[in-house]
Amino acid sequence: MGLFRRGSRAGRGRVERDAAAAAVEHLKEFARSRRGVEAYLEPTTQVSGTTMVLVADTGEWTRRRVADPGAGKALARKLGVPLYEAGIVGYPQRMREWTQKNKSGS
């Protein structure tokens, strides 16, 4: 019966890799299609892994999980965007304003 468990673990690894690749592709597309993008690295928590928030000059933003802080730093470098640690500097005001303006139901 251990054979079935091993197979499911292997499948999960592939699914996780596919999800990670999709997240990175989403971040790349966001950075390519918007101006003035900045990256904010969020620390790992017990609820979620390390995440990266990209914020455009309009305040529009997106968040995706990254493998670890090193991967987030490497991605920001590859995208050519400045990287900030959200836990230290916080988020830009334009992000909060965009979120408030675009809340569902408004």
N, C-alpha and C. Protein backbone atom coordinates (compact mmCIF):
# COMPACT_ATOMS: atom_id res chain seq x y z
N MET A 1 0.81 -1.20 0.00
CA MET A 1 0.00 0.00 0.00
C MET A 1 0.86 1.27 0.00
N GLY A 2 2.08 1.17 0.47
CA GLY A 2 2.98 2.32 0.45
C GLY A 2 3.24 2.84 -0.95
N LEU A 3 3.09 1.96 -1.92
CA LEU A 3 3.29 2.35 -3.31
C LEU A 3 2.33 3.48 -3.70
N PHE A 4 1.09 3.38 -3.27
CA PHE A 4 0.10 4.41 -3.62
C PHE A 4 0.43 5.74 -2.95
N ARG A 5 0.87 5.68 -1.72
CA ARG A 5 1.24 6.92 -1.03
C ARG A 5 2.40 7.60 -1.73
N ARG A 6 3.41 6.81 -2.10
CA ARG A 6 4.56 7.40 -2.78
C ARG A 6 4.14 8.10 -4.06
N GLY A 7 3.27 7.49 -4.81
CA GLY A 7 2.79 8.08 -6.05
C GLY A 7 2.07 9.39 -5.81
N SER A 8 1.26 9.44 -4.75
CA SER A 8 0.52 10.68 -4.49
C SER A 8 1.47 11.80 -4.07
N ARG A 9 2.51 11.46 -3.34
CA ARG A 9 3.50 12.48 -2.96
C ARG A 9 4.19 13.03 -4.20
N ALA A 10 4.57 12.14 -5.10
CA ALA A 10 5.25 12.57 -6.32
C ALA A 10 4.34 13.48 -7.13
N GLY A 11 3.06 13.13 -7.21
CA GLY A 11 2.11 13.97 -7.93
C GLY A 11 1.95 15.33 -7.29
N ARG A 12 1.93 15.36 -5.97
CA ARG A 12 1.81 16.64 -5.26
C ARG A 12 3.00 17.54 -5.56
N GLY A 13 4.19 16.97 -5.64
CA GLY A 13 5.38 17.77 -5.94
C GLY A 13 5.28 18.44 -7.30
N ARG A 14 4.79 17.69 -8.27
CA ARG A 14 4.62 18.25 -9.61
C ARG A 14 3.57 19.35 -9.60
N VAL A 15 2.48 19.13 -8.89
CA VAL A 15 1.42 20.15 -8.81
C VAL A 15 1.97 21.41 -8.15
N GLU A 16 2.74 21.24 -7.08
CA GLU A 16 3.32 22.41 -6.40
C GLU A 16 4.29 23.15 -7.31
N ARG A 17 5.10 22.42 -8.07
CA ARG A 17 6.02 23.07 -9.01
C ARG A 17 5.26 23.82 -10.09
N ASP A 18 4.19 23.21 -10.59
CA ASP A 18 3.37 23.88 -11.60
C ASP A 18 2.75 25.15 -11.04
N ALA A 19 2.26 25.08 -9.81
CA ALA A 19 1.65 26.26 -9.18
C ALA A 19 2.70 27.34 -8.97
N ALA A 20 3.90 26.96 -8.55
CA ALA A 20 4.97 27.94 -8.35
C ALA A 20 5.35 28.59 -9.66
N ALA A 21 5.44 27.81 -10.72
CA ALA A 21 5.77 28.37 -12.04
C ALA A 21 4.68 29.33 -12.51
N ALA A 22 3.42 28.98 -12.27
CA ALA A 22 2.31 29.85 -12.65
C ALA A 22 2.35 31.15 -11.86
N ALA A 23 2.71 31.08 -10.58
CA ALA A 23 2.80 32.29 -9.75
C ALA A 23 3.90 33.21 -10.26
N VAL A 24 5.05 32.65 -10.59
CA VAL A 24 6.16 33.45 -11.10
C VAL A 24 5.78 34.08 -12.44
N GLU A 25 5.12 33.31 -13.29
CA GLU A 25 4.70 33.85 -14.59
C GLU A 25 3.70 34.99 -14.41
N HIS A 26 2.80 34.85 -13.45
CA HIS A 26 1.84 35.92 -13.16
C HIS A 26 2.56 37.20 -12.73
N LEU A 27 3.54 37.06 -11.84
CA LEU A 27 4.29 38.23 -11.37
C LEU A 27 5.07 38.87 -12.52
N LYS A 28 5.66 38.05 -13.38
CA LYS A 28 6.40 38.59 -14.53
C LYS A 28 5.47 39.37 -15.45
N GLU A 29 4.30 38.81 -15.73
CA GLU A 29 3.33 39.47 -16.62
C GLU A 29 2.83 40.78 -16.00
N PHE A 30 2.59 40.77 -14.70
CA PHE A 30 2.14 41.99 -14.02
C PHE A 30 3.20 43.08 -14.17
N ALA A 31 4.46 42.72 -13.92
CA ALA A 31 5.56 43.70 -14.01
C ALA A 31 5.75 44.19 -15.44
N ARG A 32 5.60 43.29 -16.41
CA ARG A 32 5.76 43.67 -17.82
C ARG A 32 4.66 44.62 -18.29
N SER A 33 3.46 44.44 -17.79
CA SER A 33 2.30 45.16 -18.33
C SER A 33 1.92 46.42 -17.56
N ARG A 34 2.70 46.79 -16.55
CA ARG A 34 2.39 47.98 -15.76
C ARG A 34 3.64 48.81 -15.54
N ARG A 35 3.41 50.10 -15.27
CA ARG A 35 4.54 51.02 -15.06
C ARG A 35 4.81 51.22 -13.58
N GLY A 36 6.06 51.56 -13.28
CA GLY A 36 6.44 51.93 -11.92
C GLY A 36 6.25 50.85 -10.89
N VAL A 37 6.48 49.60 -11.25
CA VAL A 37 6.24 48.48 -10.34
C VAL A 37 7.34 48.39 -9.28
N GLU A 38 6.91 48.16 -8.05
CA GLU A 38 7.81 47.91 -6.93
C GLU A 38 7.42 46.58 -6.30
N ALA A 39 8.39 45.89 -5.73
CA ALA A 39 8.14 44.60 -5.09
C ALA A 39 8.26 44.74 -3.58
N TYR A 40 7.36 44.09 -2.87
CA TYR A 40 7.37 44.07 -1.40
C TYR A 40 7.38 42.62 -0.97
N LEU A 41 8.44 42.23 -0.29
CA LEU A 41 8.60 40.86 0.17
C LEU A 41 7.97 40.74 1.55
N GLU A 42 7.03 39.80 1.68
CA GLU A 42 6.36 39.58 2.95
C GLU A 42 6.98 38.38 3.64
N PRO A 43 7.15 38.46 4.95
CA PRO A 43 7.80 37.37 5.66
C PRO A 43 6.93 36.11 5.71
N THR A 44 7.59 35.00 5.89
CA THR A 44 6.91 33.72 6.04
C THR A 44 6.12 33.73 7.34
N THR A 45 4.91 33.18 7.30
CA THR A 45 4.10 33.04 8.51
C THR A 45 3.71 31.58 8.65
N GLN A 46 3.05 31.25 9.76
CA GLN A 46 2.59 29.87 9.94
C GLN A 46 1.43 29.56 9.00
N VAL A 47 0.73 30.58 8.55
CA VAL A 47 -0.42 30.38 7.68
C VAL A 47 -0.01 30.31 6.22
N SER A 48 0.96 31.12 5.82
CA SER A 48 1.37 31.13 4.42
C SER A 48 2.89 31.20 4.33
N GLY A 49 3.39 30.77 3.21
CA GLY A 49 4.83 30.85 2.98
C GLY A 49 5.22 32.28 2.66
N THR A 50 6.43 32.45 2.19
CA THR A 50 6.91 33.77 1.78
C THR A 50 6.11 34.23 0.57
N THR A 51 5.65 35.47 0.60
CA THR A 51 4.89 36.02 -0.51
C THR A 51 5.52 37.32 -0.98
N MET A 52 5.24 37.65 -2.23
CA MET A 52 5.72 38.89 -2.82
C MET A 52 4.52 39.66 -3.35
N VAL A 53 4.47 40.94 -3.04
CA VAL A 53 3.43 41.83 -3.55
C VAL A 53 4.09 42.76 -4.55
N LEU A 54 3.52 42.85 -5.75
CA LEU A 54 3.96 43.83 -6.73
C LEU A 54 2.93 44.94 -6.76
N VAL A 55 3.40 46.19 -6.71
CA VAL A 55 2.52 47.35 -6.70
C VAL A 55 2.91 48.25 -7.87
N ALA A 56 1.93 48.55 -8.73
CA ALA A 56 2.16 49.44 -9.87
C ALA A 56 2.05 50.89 -9.43
N ASP A 57 2.44 51.82 -10.31
CA ASP A 57 2.37 53.24 -9.95
C ASP A 57 0.94 53.72 -9.74
N THR A 58 -0.04 52.99 -10.27
CA THR A 58 -1.46 53.32 -10.07
C THR A 58 -1.97 52.85 -8.72
N GLY A 59 -1.20 52.00 -8.04
CA GLY A 59 -1.64 51.41 -6.78
C GLY A 59 -2.19 50.01 -6.96
N GLU A 60 -2.46 49.62 -8.21
CA GLU A 60 -2.92 48.26 -8.46
C GLU A 60 -1.85 47.29 -7.96
N TRP A 61 -2.28 46.19 -7.38
CA TRP A 61 -1.30 45.27 -6.81
C TRP A 61 -1.74 43.82 -6.99
N THR A 62 -0.75 42.95 -6.83
CA THR A 62 -1.00 41.51 -6.87
C THR A 62 -0.05 40.83 -5.88
N ARG A 63 -0.50 39.72 -5.33
CA ARG A 63 0.32 38.97 -4.36
C ARG A 63 0.38 37.51 -4.80
N ARG A 64 1.59 36.97 -4.74
CA ARG A 64 1.78 35.55 -5.04
C ARG A 64 2.85 34.99 -4.11
N ARG A 65 2.76 33.70 -3.86
CA ARG A 65 3.75 33.01 -3.04
C ARG A 65 5.03 32.82 -3.85
N VAL A 66 6.17 32.98 -3.19
CA VAL A 66 7.47 32.67 -3.78
C VAL A 66 8.13 31.61 -2.91
N ALA A 67 9.10 30.91 -3.45
CA ALA A 67 9.70 29.77 -2.75
C ALA A 67 10.30 30.15 -1.40
N ASP A 68 11.02 31.26 -1.38
CA ASP A 68 11.68 31.71 -0.16
C ASP A 68 12.17 33.14 -0.40
N PRO A 69 12.68 33.82 0.64
CA PRO A 69 13.14 35.20 0.44
C PRO A 69 14.21 35.34 -0.65
N GLY A 70 15.10 34.38 -0.75
CA GLY A 70 16.13 34.43 -1.79
C GLY A 70 15.54 34.40 -3.19
N ALA A 71 14.52 33.56 -3.37
CA ALA A 71 13.85 33.48 -4.68
C ALA A 71 13.13 34.79 -4.98
N GLY A 72 12.54 35.41 -3.97
CA GLY A 72 11.87 36.70 -4.16
C GLY A 72 12.85 37.78 -4.57
N LYS A 73 14.01 37.80 -3.91
CA LYS A 73 15.04 38.79 -4.25
C LYS A 73 15.55 38.57 -5.68
N ALA A 74 15.77 37.31 -6.03
CA ALA A 74 16.25 37.00 -7.39
C ALA A 74 15.21 37.40 -8.43
N LEU A 75 13.94 37.17 -8.15
CA LEU A 75 12.89 37.53 -9.10
C LEU A 75 12.81 39.05 -9.27
N ALA A 76 12.87 39.79 -8.18
CA ALA A 76 12.84 41.26 -8.27
C ALA A 76 14.02 41.76 -9.10
N ARG A 77 15.18 41.17 -8.90
CA ARG A 77 16.37 41.54 -9.67
C ARG A 77 16.14 41.26 -11.16
N LYS A 78 15.59 40.08 -11.45
CA LYS A 78 15.33 39.68 -12.83
C LYS A 78 14.30 40.61 -13.49
N LEU A 79 13.31 41.03 -12.72
CA LEU A 79 12.28 41.93 -13.24
C LEU A 79 12.76 43.38 -13.34
N GLY A 80 13.87 43.67 -12.66
CA GLY A 80 14.40 45.04 -12.67
C GLY A 80 13.55 46.00 -11.86
N VAL A 81 12.96 45.50 -10.77
CA VAL A 81 12.13 46.36 -9.93
C VAL A 81 12.75 46.47 -8.54
N PRO A 82 12.56 47.61 -7.88
CA PRO A 82 13.08 47.74 -6.51
C PRO A 82 12.34 46.80 -5.57
N LEU A 83 13.06 46.30 -4.58
CA LEU A 83 12.50 45.36 -3.61
C LEU A 83 12.58 45.96 -2.22
N TYR A 84 11.47 45.89 -1.50
CA TYR A 84 11.40 46.37 -0.13
C TYR A 84 10.89 45.24 0.75
N GLU A 85 11.25 45.26 2.01
CA GLU A 85 10.72 44.30 2.97
C GLU A 85 9.49 44.92 3.60
N ALA A 86 8.33 44.34 3.32
CA ALA A 86 7.05 44.90 3.77
C ALA A 86 6.99 45.01 5.29
N GLY A 87 7.59 44.09 5.99
CA GLY A 87 7.57 44.13 7.45
C GLY A 87 8.37 45.28 8.03
N ILE A 88 9.25 45.87 7.24
CA ILE A 88 10.08 46.98 7.70
C ILE A 88 9.54 48.32 7.21
N VAL A 89 9.26 48.41 5.91
CA VAL A 89 8.85 49.71 5.34
C VAL A 89 7.35 49.86 5.19
N GLY A 90 6.59 48.79 5.31
CA GLY A 90 5.14 48.86 5.10
C GLY A 90 4.82 48.90 3.61
N TYR A 91 3.58 49.26 3.31
CA TYR A 91 3.11 49.31 1.93
C TYR A 91 2.89 50.76 1.52
N PRO A 92 2.98 51.05 0.22
CA PRO A 92 2.79 52.43 -0.22
C PRO A 92 1.33 52.88 -0.09
N GLN A 93 1.15 54.15 0.17
CA GLN A 93 -0.19 54.72 0.32
C GLN A 93 -1.04 54.47 -0.92
N ARG A 94 -0.44 54.53 -2.10
CA ARG A 94 -1.22 54.34 -3.33
C ARG A 94 -1.86 52.95 -3.39
N MET A 95 -1.23 51.97 -2.77
CA MET A 95 -1.80 50.63 -2.72
C MET A 95 -3.06 50.63 -1.86
N ARG A 96 -3.00 51.27 -0.71
CA ARG A 96 -4.16 51.35 0.17
C ARG A 96 -5.30 52.11 -0.50
N GLU A 97 -4.95 53.20 -1.18
CA GLU A 97 -5.97 54.00 -1.87
C GLU A 97 -6.63 53.20 -2.99
N TRP A 98 -5.84 52.47 -3.76
CA TRP A 98 -6.38 51.66 -4.85
C TRP A 98 -7.31 50.59 -4.30
N THR A 99 -6.89 49.95 -3.21
CA THR A 99 -7.70 48.90 -2.59
C THR A 99 -9.03 49.47 -2.10
N GLN A 100 -8.97 50.61 -1.45
CA GLN A 100 -10.20 51.24 -0.94
C GLN A 100 -11.14 51.59 -2.10
N LYS A 101 -10.59 52.14 -3.15
CA LYS A 101 -11.39 52.56 -4.31
C LYS A 101 -12.00 51.36 -5.05
N ASN A 102 -11.31 50.24 -5.05
CA ASN A 102 -11.73 49.08 -5.83
C ASN A 102 -12.33 47.95 -5.02
N LYS A 103 -12.73 48.24 -3.78
CA LYS A 103 -13.38 47.20 -2.97
C LYS A 103 -14.63 46.72 -3.68
N SER A 104 -14.88 45.43 -3.60
CA SER A 104 -16.09 44.91 -4.24
C SER A 104 -17.32 45.49 -3.53
N GLY A 105 -18.32 45.78 -4.32
CA GLY A 105 -19.54 46.35 -3.76
C GLY A 105 -19.52 47.86 -3.75
N SER A 106 -18.42 48.48 -4.16
CA SER A 106 -18.34 49.94 -4.16
C SER A 106 -18.70 50.49 -5.51
